[in-house]
Amino acid sequence: MEKLSREPADQKALPYTLLRDRGNQVASRFGLTFALPDDLRQVYQKLGVDLPKANGDDSWTLPMPARFVIDRAGVIRQADVDPDYTSRSEPATTVEVLRGLR
């Protein structure tokens, strides 16, 4: 189980900047990371997940799922963060915010 994230085959075709946050440095600055407890580390290791390799460090941290809409002036126009990875806002909500930025 080498690859942990799905990355577009051709990132150059994307009309936006895609952040690959090695070491969760950006997520940590936003207070979005949490350290996996030892019992979960063991589960990940048994499943063959090499989180330190994927993260690029040995912190055993993961980011909470988050979606931000930031305008060109750097103002956060929408923030969607939930520690429960199974709870995600509808994409239509984000699209509506983006349309409002036009």
PDB file of N, CA and C in Angstrom:
ATOM      1  N   MET A   1       0.848  -1.170   0.000  1.00  0.00           N
ATOM      2  CA  MET A   1       0.000   0.000   0.000  1.00  0.00           C
ATOM      3  C   MET A   1       0.899   1.240   0.000  1.00  0.00           C
ATOM      4  N   GLU A   2       1.596   1.452  -1.046  1.00  0.00           N
ATOM      5  CA  GLU A   2       2.610   2.487  -1.143  1.00  0.00           C
ATOM      6  C   GLU A   2       2.022   3.886  -1.234  1.00  0.00           C
ATOM      7  N   LYS A   3       1.094   4.068  -2.130  1.00  0.00           N
ATOM      8  CA  LYS A   3       0.570   5.394  -2.401  1.00  0.00           C
ATOM      9  C   LYS A   3      -0.633   5.680  -1.514  1.00  0.00           C
ATOM     10  N   LEU A   4      -0.581   6.782  -0.758  1.00  0.00           N
ATOM     11  CA  LEU A   4      -1.648   7.094   0.178  1.00  0.00           C
ATOM     12  C   LEU A   4      -2.622   8.128  -0.355  1.00  0.00           C
ATOM     13  N   SER A   5      -2.225   8.877  -1.360  1.00  0.00           N
ATOM     14  CA  SER A   5      -3.124   9.907  -1.873  1.00  0.00           C
ATOM     15  C   SER A   5      -3.230   9.790  -3.376  1.00  0.00           C
ATOM     16  N   ARG A   6      -4.370  10.225  -3.872  1.00  0.00           N
ATOM     17  CA  ARG A   6      -4.564  10.235  -5.312  1.00  0.00           C
ATOM     18  C   ARG A   6      -4.124  11.590  -5.837  1.00  0.00           C
ATOM     19  N   GLU A   7      -3.164  11.582  -6.729  1.00  0.00           N
ATOM     20  CA  GLU A   7      -2.689  12.821  -7.309  1.00  0.00           C
ATOM     21  C   GLU A   7      -3.013  12.806  -8.791  1.00  0.00           C
ATOM     22  N   PRO A   8      -3.421  13.952  -9.317  1.00  0.00           N
ATOM     23  CA  PRO A   8      -3.713  14.010 -10.747  1.00  0.00           C
ATOM     24  C   PRO A   8      -2.485  13.610 -11.567  1.00  0.00           C
ATOM     25  N   ALA A   9      -2.728  12.902 -12.636  1.00  0.00           N
ATOM     26  CA  ALA A   9      -1.632  12.460 -13.491  1.00  0.00           C
ATOM     27  C   ALA A   9      -0.906  13.659 -14.102  1.00  0.00           C
ATOM     28  N   ASP A  10      -1.655  14.683 -14.464  1.00  0.00           N
ATOM     29  CA  ASP A  10      -1.053  15.864 -15.070  1.00  0.00           C
ATOM     30  C   ASP A  10      -1.475  17.101 -14.292  1.00  0.00           C
ATOM     31  N   GLN A  11      -0.694  17.444 -13.264  1.00  0.00           N
ATOM     32  CA  GLN A  11      -1.035  18.581 -12.421  1.00  0.00           C
ATOM     33  C   GLN A  11      -0.957  19.902 -13.180  1.00  0.00           C
ATOM     34  N   LYS A  12      -0.201  19.957 -14.256  1.00  0.00           N
ATOM     35  CA  LYS A  12      -0.075  21.186 -15.026  1.00  0.00           C
ATOM     36  C   LYS A  12      -1.397  21.593 -15.669  1.00  0.00           C
ATOM     37  N   ALA A  13      -2.305  20.645 -15.841  1.00  0.00           N
ATOM     38  CA  ALA A  13      -3.587  20.945 -16.481  1.00  0.00           C
ATOM     39  C   ALA A  13      -4.595  21.547 -15.496  1.00  0.00           C
ATOM     40  N   LEU A  14      -4.254  21.590 -14.217  1.00  0.00           N
ATOM     41  CA  LEU A  14      -5.184  22.111 -13.227  1.00  0.00           C
ATOM     42  C   LEU A  14      -5.228  23.636 -13.265  1.00  0.00           C
ATOM     43  N   PRO A  15      -6.424  24.217 -13.170  1.00  0.00           N
ATOM     44  CA  PRO A  15      -6.540  25.684 -13.205  1.00  0.00           C
ATOM     45  C   PRO A  15      -6.328  26.326 -11.830  1.00  0.00           C
ATOM     46  N   TYR A  16      -5.805  25.571 -10.870  1.00  0.00           N
ATOM     47  CA  TYR A  16      -5.569  26.086  -9.531  1.00  0.00           C
ATOM     48  C   TYR A  16      -4.294  25.452  -8.984  1.00  0.00           C
ATOM     49  N   THR A  17      -3.794  26.011  -7.910  1.00  0.00           N
ATOM     50  CA  THR A  17      -2.589  25.494  -7.284  1.00  0.00           C
ATOM     51  C   THR A  17      -2.957  24.341  -6.366  1.00  0.00           C
ATOM     52  N   LEU A  18      -2.241  23.242  -6.493  1.00  0.00           N
ATOM     53  CA  LEU A  18      -2.457  22.076  -5.664  1.00  0.00           C
ATOM     54  C   LEU A  18      -1.318  21.995  -4.655  1.00  0.00           C
ATOM     55  N   LEU A  19      -1.667  21.962  -3.382  1.00  0.00           N
ATOM     56  CA  LEU A  19      -0.668  21.909  -2.325  1.00  0.00           C
ATOM     57  C   LEU A  19      -0.403  20.469  -1.924  1.00  0.00           C
ATOM     58  N   ARG A  20       0.833  20.068  -1.958  1.00  0.00           N
ATOM     59  CA  ARG A  20       1.250  18.762  -1.420  1.00  0.00           C
ATOM     60  C   ARG A  20       2.009  19.085  -0.150  1.00  0.00           C
ATOM     61  N   ASP A  21       1.416  18.858   0.981  1.00  0.00           N
ATOM     62  CA  ASP A  21       1.927  19.306   2.272  1.00  0.00           C
ATOM     63  C   ASP A  21       2.774  18.236   2.939  1.00  0.00           C
ATOM     64  N   ARG A  22       3.981  18.029   2.412  1.00  0.00           N
ATOM     65  CA  ARG A  22       4.897  17.045   2.999  1.00  0.00           C
ATOM     66  C   ARG A  22       5.218  17.448   4.433  1.00  0.00           C
ATOM     67  N   GLY A  23       5.099  16.500   5.342  1.00  0.00           N
ATOM     68  CA  GLY A  23       5.382  16.766   6.748  1.00  0.00           C
ATOM     69  C   GLY A  23       4.267  17.512   7.460  1.00  0.00           C
ATOM     70  N   ASN A  24       3.160  17.742   6.768  1.00  0.00           N
ATOM     71  CA  ASN A  24       2.007  18.440   7.352  1.00  0.00           C
ATOM     72  C   ASN A  24       2.379  19.795   7.949  1.00  0.00           C
ATOM     73  N   GLN A  25       3.344  20.468   7.345  1.00  0.00           N
ATOM     74  CA  GLN A  25       3.802  21.749   7.883  1.00  0.00           C
ATOM     75  C   GLN A  25       2.725  22.824   7.800  1.00  0.00           C
ATOM     76  N   VAL A  26       2.045  22.907   6.660  1.00  0.00           N
ATOM     77  CA  VAL A  26       0.998  23.922   6.498  1.00  0.00           C
ATOM     78  C   VAL A  26      -0.193  23.578   7.386  1.00  0.00           C
ATOM     79  N   ALA A  27      -0.610  22.325   7.364  1.00  0.00           N
ATOM     80  CA  ALA A  27      -1.740  21.896   8.193  1.00  0.00           C
ATOM     81  C   ALA A  27      -1.449  22.166   9.671  1.00  0.00           C
ATOM     82  N   SER A  28      -0.232  21.946  10.100  1.00  0.00           N
ATOM     83  CA  SER A  28       0.138  22.203  11.498  1.00  0.00           C
ATOM     84  C   SER A  28       0.021  23.686  11.831  1.00  0.00           C
ATOM     85  N   ARG A  29       0.418  24.537  10.902  1.00  0.00           N
ATOM     86  CA  ARG A  29       0.323  25.983  11.149  1.00  0.00           C
ATOM     87  C   ARG A  29      -1.124  26.443  11.269  1.00  0.00           C
ATOM     88  N   PHE A  30      -2.052  25.698  10.666  1.00  0.00           N
ATOM     89  CA  PHE A  30      -3.479  26.010  10.781  1.00  0.00           C
ATOM     90  C   PHE A  30      -4.142  25.244  11.932  1.00  0.00           C
ATOM     91  N   GLY A  31      -3.351  24.471  12.677  1.00  0.00           N
ATOM     92  CA  GLY A  31      -3.897  23.718  13.796  1.00  0.00           C
ATOM     93  C   GLY A  31      -4.761  22.542  13.380  1.00  0.00           C
ATOM     94  N   LEU A  32      -4.458  21.957  12.222  1.00  0.00           N
ATOM     95  CA  LEU A  32      -5.302  20.908  11.659  1.00  0.00           C
ATOM     96  C   LEU A  32      -4.744  19.494  11.811  1.00  0.00           C
ATOM     97  N   THR A  33      -3.623  19.341  12.469  1.00  0.00           N
ATOM     98  CA  THR A  33      -3.018  18.004  12.551  1.00  0.00           C
ATOM     99  C   THR A  33      -3.267  17.368  13.917  1.00  0.00           C
ATOM    100  N   PHE A  34      -3.192  16.048  13.915  1.00  0.00           N
ATOM    101  CA  PHE A  34      -3.256  15.297  15.161  1.00  0.00           C
ATOM    102  C   PHE A  34      -2.295  14.130  15.051  1.00  0.00           C
ATOM    103  N   ALA A  35      -1.718  13.763  16.183  1.00  0.00           N
ATOM    104  CA  ALA A  35      -0.778  12.643  16.227  1.00  0.00           C
ATOM    105  C   ALA A  35      -1.554  11.354  16.445  1.00  0.00           C
ATOM    106  N   LEU A  36      -1.188  10.337  15.706  1.00  0.00           N
ATOM    107  CA  LEU A  36      -1.832   9.035  15.876  1.00  0.00           C
ATOM    108  C   LEU A  36      -1.354   8.403  17.176  1.00  0.00           C
ATOM    109  N   PRO A  37      -2.277   7.870  17.973  1.00  0.00           N
ATOM    110  CA  PRO A  37      -1.860   7.163  19.183  1.00  0.00           C
ATOM    111  C   PRO A  37      -1.166   5.847  18.813  1.00  0.00           C
ATOM    112  N   ASP A  38      -0.440   5.313  19.759  1.00  0.00           N
ATOM    113  CA  ASP A  38       0.354   4.106  19.503  1.00  0.00           C
ATOM    114  C   ASP A  38      -0.465   2.947  18.945  1.00  0.00           C
ATOM    115  N   ASP A  39      -1.698   2.753  19.453  1.00  0.00           N
ATOM    116  CA  ASP A  39      -2.487   1.614  18.972  1.00  0.00           C
ATOM    117  C   ASP A  39      -2.843   1.779  17.495  1.00  0.00           C
ATOM    118  N   LEU A  40      -3.122   3.004  17.061  1.00  0.00           N
ATOM    119  CA  LEU A  40      -3.410   3.230  15.639  1.00  0.00           C
ATOM    120  C   LEU A  40      -2.149   3.122  14.783  1.00  0.00           C
ATOM    121  N   ARG A  41      -1.031   3.526  15.328  1.00  0.00           N
ATOM    122  CA  ARG A  41       0.236   3.354  14.594  1.00  0.00           C
ATOM    123  C   ARG A  41       0.445   1.879  14.267  1.00  0.00           C
ATOM    124  N   GLN A  42       0.184   1.034  15.265  1.00  0.00           N
ATOM    125  CA  GLN A  42       0.356  -0.401  15.063  1.00  0.00           C
ATOM    126  C   GLN A  42      -0.590  -0.931  13.994  1.00  0.00           C
ATOM    127  N   VAL A  43      -1.824  -0.437  13.990  1.00  0.00           N
ATOM    128  CA  VAL A  43      -2.791  -0.851  12.962  1.00  0.00           C
ATOM    129  C   VAL A  43      -2.285  -0.435  11.587  1.00  0.00           C
ATOM    130  N   TYR A  44      -1.843   0.807  11.454  1.00  0.00           N
ATOM    131  CA  TYR A  44      -1.326   1.290  10.171  1.00  0.00           C
ATOM    132  C   TYR A  44      -0.153   0.427   9.715  1.00  0.00           C
ATOM    133  N   GLN A  45       0.755   0.135  10.638  1.00  0.00           N
ATOM    134  CA  GLN A  45       1.928  -0.660  10.289  1.00  0.00           C
ATOM    135  C   GLN A  45       1.528  -2.061   9.844  1.00  0.00           C
ATOM    136  N   LYS A  46       0.552  -2.669  10.517  1.00  0.00           N
ATOM    137  CA  LYS A  46       0.093  -4.009  10.126  1.00  0.00           C
ATOM    138  C   LYS A  46      -0.540  -3.993   8.743  1.00  0.00           C
ATOM    139  N   LEU A  47      -1.167  -2.869   8.391  1.00  0.00           N
ATOM    140  CA  LEU A  47      -1.787  -2.739   7.071  1.00  0.00           C
ATOM    141  C   LEU A  47      -0.762  -2.369   5.991  1.00  0.00           C
ATOM    142  N   GLY A  48       0.478  -2.146   6.393  1.00  0.00           N
ATOM    143  CA  GLY A  48       1.518  -1.807   5.432  1.00  0.00           C
ATOM    144  C   GLY A  48       1.560  -0.337   5.065  1.00  0.00           C
ATOM    145  N   VAL A  49       0.903   0.495   5.853  1.00  0.00           N
ATOM    146  CA  VAL A  49       0.902   1.940   5.588  1.00  0.00           C
ATOM    147  C   VAL A  49       2.154   2.538   6.215  1.00  0.00           C
ATOM    148  N   ASP A  50       3.010   3.115   5.374  1.00  0.00           N
ATOM    149  CA  ASP A  50       4.244   3.733   5.846  1.00  0.00           C
ATOM    150  C   ASP A  50       4.014   5.245   5.930  1.00  0.00           C
ATOM    151  N   LEU A  51       3.348   5.663   7.005  1.00  0.00           N
ATOM    152  CA  LEU A  51       3.001   7.069   7.159  1.00  0.00           C
ATOM    153  C   LEU A  51       4.234   7.973   7.243  1.00  0.00           C
ATOM    154  N   PRO A  52       5.289   7.597   7.961  1.00  0.00           N
ATOM    155  CA  PRO A  52       6.475   8.451   7.960  1.00  0.00           C
ATOM    156  C   PRO A  52       7.039   8.677   6.552  1.00  0.00           C
ATOM    157  N   LYS A  53       7.013   7.659   5.729  1.00  0.00           N
ATOM    158  CA  LYS A  53       7.509   7.817   4.358  1.00  0.00           C
ATOM    159  C   LYS A  53       6.588   8.753   3.561  1.00  0.00           C
ATOM    160  N   ALA A  54       5.278   8.564   3.717  1.00  0.00           N
ATOM    161  CA  ALA A  54       4.321   9.404   2.989  1.00  0.00           C
ATOM    162  C   ALA A  54       4.397  10.856   3.443  1.00  0.00           C
ATOM    163  N   ASN A  55       4.581  11.062   4.750  1.00  0.00           N
ATOM    164  CA  ASN A  55       4.644  12.415   5.293  1.00  0.00           C
ATOM    165  C   ASN A  55       5.992  13.088   5.071  1.00  0.00           C
ATOM    166  N   GLY A  56       7.017  12.282   4.913  1.00  0.00           N
ATOM    167  CA  GLY A  56       8.347  12.868   4.760  1.00  0.00           C
ATOM    168  C   GLY A  56       8.977  13.215   6.100  1.00  0.00           C
ATOM    169  N   ASP A  57       8.421  12.700   7.186  1.00  0.00           N
ATOM    170  CA  ASP A  57       9.004  12.893   8.513  1.00  0.00           C
ATOM    171  C   ASP A  57       8.535  11.747   9.410  1.00  0.00           C
ATOM    172  N   ASP A  58       8.963  11.758  10.663  1.00  0.00           N
ATOM    173  CA  ASP A  58       8.583  10.655  11.545  1.00  0.00           C
ATOM    174  C   ASP A  58       7.576  11.085  12.611  1.00  0.00           C
ATOM    175  N   SER A  59       6.747  12.073  12.286  1.00  0.00           N
ATOM    176  CA  SER A  59       5.821  12.632  13.278  1.00  0.00           C
ATOM    177  C   SER A  59       4.584  11.779  13.533  1.00  0.00           C
ATOM    178  N   TRP A  60       4.245  10.894  12.636  1.00  0.00           N
ATOM    179  CA  TRP A  60       3.023  10.089  12.746  1.00  0.00           C
ATOM    180  C   TRP A  60       1.805  10.986  12.964  1.00  0.00           C
ATOM    181  N   THR A  61       1.731  12.041  12.169  1.00  0.00           N
ATOM    182  CA  THR A  61       0.591  12.951  12.242  1.00  0.00           C
ATOM    183  C   THR A  61      -0.230  12.866  10.968  1.00  0.00           C
ATOM    184  N   LEU A  62      -1.515  13.182  11.121  1.00  0.00           N
ATOM    185  CA  LEU A  62      -2.414  13.275   9.980  1.00  0.00           C
ATOM    186  C   LEU A  62      -3.161  14.606  10.070  1.00  0.00           C
ATOM    187  N   PRO A  63      -3.525  15.154   8.917  1.00  0.00           N
ATOM    188  CA  PRO A  63      -4.333  16.376   8.947  1.00  0.00           C
ATOM    189  C   PRO A  63      -5.819  16.036   9.011  1.00  0.00           C
ATOM    190  N   MET A  64      -6.578  16.916   9.626  1.00  0.00           N
ATOM    191  CA  MET A  64      -8.031  16.788   9.570  1.00  0.00           C
ATOM    192  C   MET A  64      -8.472  17.203   8.174  1.00  0.00           C
ATOM    193  N   PRO A  65      -9.523  16.590   7.658  1.00  0.00           N
ATOM    194  CA  PRO A  65     -10.037  17.032   6.360  1.00  0.00           C
ATOM    195  C   PRO A  65     -10.474  18.491   6.463  1.00  0.00           C
ATOM    196  N   ALA A  66     -10.034  19.289   5.512  1.00  0.00           N
ATOM    197  CA  ALA A  66     -10.369  20.711   5.527  1.00  0.00           C
ATOM    198  C   ALA A  66     -10.458  21.227   4.098  1.00  0.00           C
ATOM    199  N   ARG A  67     -11.330  22.188   3.912  1.00  0.00           N
ATOM    200  CA  ARG A  67     -11.461  22.839   2.606  1.00  0.00           C
ATOM    201  C   ARG A  67     -11.598  24.328   2.878  1.00  0.00           C
ATOM    202  N   PHE A  68     -10.734  25.113   2.237  1.00  0.00           N
ATOM    203  CA  PHE A  68     -10.756  26.555   2.393  1.00  0.00           C
ATOM    204  C   PHE A  68     -10.941  27.204   1.041  1.00  0.00           C
ATOM    205  N   VAL A  69     -11.729  28.253   1.001  1.00  0.00           N
ATOM    206  CA  VAL A  69     -11.804  29.114  -0.179  1.00  0.00           C
ATOM    207  C   VAL A  69     -11.151  30.424   0.240  1.00  0.00           C
ATOM    208  N   ILE A  70     -10.066  30.761  -0.427  1.00  0.00           N
ATOM    209  CA  ILE A  70      -9.295  31.955  -0.108  1.00  0.00           C
ATOM    210  C   ILE A  70      -9.289  32.847  -1.336  1.00  0.00           C
ATOM    211  N   ASP A  71      -9.679  34.094  -1.156  1.00  0.00           N
ATOM    212  CA  ASP A  71      -9.742  34.989  -2.320  1.00  0.00           C
ATOM    213  C   ASP A  71      -8.352  35.503  -2.678  1.00  0.00           C
ATOM    214  N   ARG A  72      -8.269  36.267  -3.731  1.00  0.00           N
ATOM    215  CA  ARG A  72      -6.966  36.741  -4.233  1.00  0.00           C
ATOM    216  C   ARG A  72      -6.261  37.676  -3.256  1.00  0.00           C
ATOM    217  N   ALA A  73      -7.008  38.267  -2.346  1.00  0.00           N
ATOM    218  CA  ALA A  73      -6.415  39.153  -1.336  1.00  0.00           C
ATOM    219  C   ALA A  73      -5.939  38.364  -0.112  1.00  0.00           C
ATOM    220  N   GLY A  74      -6.150  37.046  -0.127  1.00  0.00           N
ATOM    221  CA  GLY A  74      -5.719  36.204   0.980  1.00  0.00           C
ATOM    222  C   GLY A  74      -6.734  36.087   2.103  1.00  0.00           C
ATOM    223  N   VAL A  75      -7.970  36.549   1.853  1.00  0.00           N
ATOM    224  CA  VAL A  75      -9.032  36.471   2.857  1.00  0.00           C
ATOM    225  C   VAL A  75      -9.734  35.120   2.740  1.00  0.00           C
ATOM    226  N   ILE A  76      -9.869  34.430   3.870  1.00  0.00           N
ATOM    227  CA  ILE A  76     -10.584  33.155   3.876  1.00  0.00           C
ATOM    228  C   ILE A  76     -12.073  33.449   3.773  1.00  0.00           C
ATOM    229  N   ARG A  77     -12.681  32.992   2.689  1.00  0.00           N
ATOM    230  CA  ARG A  77     -14.105  33.230   2.443  1.00  0.00           C
ATOM    231  C   ARG A  77     -14.982  32.071   2.902  1.00  0.00           C
ATOM    232  N   GLN A  78     -14.395  30.904   3.020  1.00  0.00           N
ATOM    233  CA  GLN A  78     -15.124  29.747   3.555  1.00  0.00           C
ATOM    234  C   GLN A  78     -14.111  28.787   4.145  1.00  0.00           C
ATOM    235  N   ALA A  79     -14.451  28.233   5.292  1.00  0.00           N
ATOM    236  CA  ALA A  79     -13.614  27.216   5.931  1.00  0.00           C
ATOM    237  C   ALA A  79     -14.524  26.057   6.326  1.00  0.00           C
ATOM    238  N   ASP A  80     -14.115  24.885   5.953  1.00  0.00           N
ATOM    239  CA  ASP A  80     -14.872  23.681   6.279  1.00  0.00           C
ATOM    240  C   ASP A  80     -13.885  22.684   6.878  1.00  0.00           C
ATOM    241  N   VAL A  81     -13.970  22.480   8.176  1.00  0.00           N
ATOM    242  CA  VAL A  81     -13.062  21.580   8.887  1.00  0.00           C
ATOM    243  C   VAL A  81     -13.890  20.710   9.819  1.00  0.00           C
ATOM    244  N   ASP A  82     -13.625  19.417   9.768  1.00  0.00           N
ATOM    245  CA  ASP A  82     -14.327  18.505  10.668  1.00  0.00           C
ATOM    246  C   ASP A  82     -13.377  17.367  11.011  1.00  0.00           C
ATOM    247  N   PRO A  83     -13.109  17.149  12.300  1.00  0.00           N
ATOM    248  CA  PRO A  83     -12.211  16.052  12.660  1.00  0.00           C
ATOM    249  C   PRO A  83     -12.727  14.677  12.255  1.00  0.00           C
ATOM    250  N   ASP A  84     -14.030  14.571  12.003  1.00  0.00           N
ATOM    251  CA  ASP A  84     -14.613  13.309  11.559  1.00  0.00           C
ATOM    252  C   ASP A  84     -14.447  13.218  10.034  1.00  0.00           C
ATOM    253  N   TYR A  85     -13.501  12.401   9.595  1.00  0.00           N
ATOM    254  CA  TYR A  85     -13.185  12.320   8.166  1.00  0.00           C
ATOM    255  C   TYR A  85     -14.365  11.831   7.322  1.00  0.00           C
ATOM    256  N   THR A  86     -15.372  11.232   7.965  1.00  0.00           N
ATOM    257  CA  THR A  86     -16.525  10.757   7.190  1.00  0.00           C
ATOM    258  C   THR A  86     -17.557  11.869   6.962  1.00  0.00           C
ATOM    259  N   SER A  87     -17.375  12.993   7.618  1.00  0.00           N
ATOM    260  CA  SER A  87     -18.301  14.107   7.486  1.00  0.00           C
ATOM    261  C   SER A  87     -17.698  15.163   6.568  1.00  0.00           C
ATOM    262  N   ARG A  88     -18.259  15.342   5.410  1.00  0.00           N
ATOM    263  CA  ARG A  88     -17.753  16.320   4.444  1.00  0.00           C
ATOM    264  C   ARG A  88     -18.899  17.190   3.961  1.00  0.00           C
ATOM    265  N   SER A  89     -18.600  18.465   3.755  1.00  0.00           N
ATOM    266  CA  SER A  89     -19.645  19.345   3.232  1.00  0.00           C
ATOM    267  C   SER A  89     -19.881  19.029   1.759  1.00  0.00           C
ATOM    268  N   GLU A  90     -21.021  19.415   1.288  1.00  0.00           N
ATOM    269  CA  GLU A  90     -21.357  19.191  -0.110  1.00  0.00           C
ATOM    270  C   GLU A  90     -20.493  20.090  -0.999  1.00  0.00           C
ATOM    271  N   PRO A  91     -19.953  19.550  -2.070  1.00  0.00           N
ATOM    272  CA  PRO A  91     -19.172  20.375  -3.001  1.00  0.00           C
ATOM    273  C   PRO A  91     -19.959  21.574  -3.525  1.00  0.00           C
ATOM    274  N   ALA A  92     -21.276  21.417  -3.652  1.00  0.00           N
ATOM    275  CA  ALA A  92     -22.099  22.524  -4.157  1.00  0.00           C
ATOM    276  C   ALA A  92     -21.975  23.762  -3.280  1.00  0.00           C
ATOM    277  N   THR A  93     -21.773  23.565  -1.981  1.00  0.00           N
ATOM    278  CA  THR A  93     -21.600  24.694  -1.063  1.00  0.00           C
ATOM    279  C   THR A  93     -20.343  25.477  -1.430  1.00  0.00           C
ATOM    280  N   THR A  94     -19.265  24.768  -1.689  1.00  0.00           N
ATOM    281  CA  THR A  94     -18.015  25.419  -2.070  1.00  0.00           C
ATOM    282  C   THR A  94     -18.146  26.094  -3.426  1.00  0.00           C
ATOM    283  N   VAL A  95     -18.801  25.436  -4.349  1.00  0.00           N
ATOM    284  CA  VAL A  95     -19.011  26.032  -5.691  1.00  0.00           C
ATOM    285  C   VAL A  95     -19.787  27.323  -5.574  1.00  0.00           C
ATOM    286  N   GLU A  96     -20.788  27.352  -4.717  1.00  0.00           N
ATOM    287  CA  GLU A  96     -21.595  28.562  -4.521  1.00  0.00           C
ATOM    288  C   GLU A  96     -20.720  29.713  -3.992  1.00  0.00           C
ATOM    289  N   VAL A  97     -19.853  29.410  -3.050  1.00  0.00           N
ATOM    290  CA  VAL A  97     -18.941  30.432  -2.517  1.00  0.00           C
ATOM    291  C   VAL A  97     -18.004  30.921  -3.612  1.00  0.00           C
ATOM    292  N   LEU A  98     -17.484  30.000  -4.412  1.00  0.00           N
ATOM    293  CA  LEU A  98     -16.580  30.376  -5.499  1.00  0.00           C
ATOM    294  C   LEU A  98     -17.281  31.273  -6.512  1.00  0.00           C
ATOM    295  N   ARG A  99     -18.512  30.941  -6.841  1.00  0.00           N
ATOM    296  CA  ARG A  99     -19.270  31.767  -7.777  1.00  0.00           C
ATOM    297  C   ARG A  99     -19.479  33.184  -7.232  1.00  0.00           C
ATOM    298  N   GLY A 100     -19.639  33.277  -5.924  1.00  0.00           N
ATOM    299  CA  GLY A 100     -19.811  34.577  -5.298  1.00  0.00           C
ATOM    300  C   GLY A 100     -18.568  35.449  -5.343  1.00  0.00           C
ATOM    301  N   LEU A 101     -17.434  34.854  -5.635  1.00  0.00           N
ATOM    302  CA  LEU A 101     -16.191  35.624  -5.721  1.00  0.00           C
ATOM    303  C   LEU A 101     -15.971  36.295  -7.069  1.00  0.00           C
ATOM    304  N   ARG A 102     -16.789  35.943  -8.045  1.00  0.00           N
ATOM    305  CA  ARG A 102     -16.607  36.503  -9.384  1.00  0.00           C
ATOM    306  C   ARG A 102     -16.817  37.990  -9.416  1.00  0.00           C
TER     307      ARG A 102
END
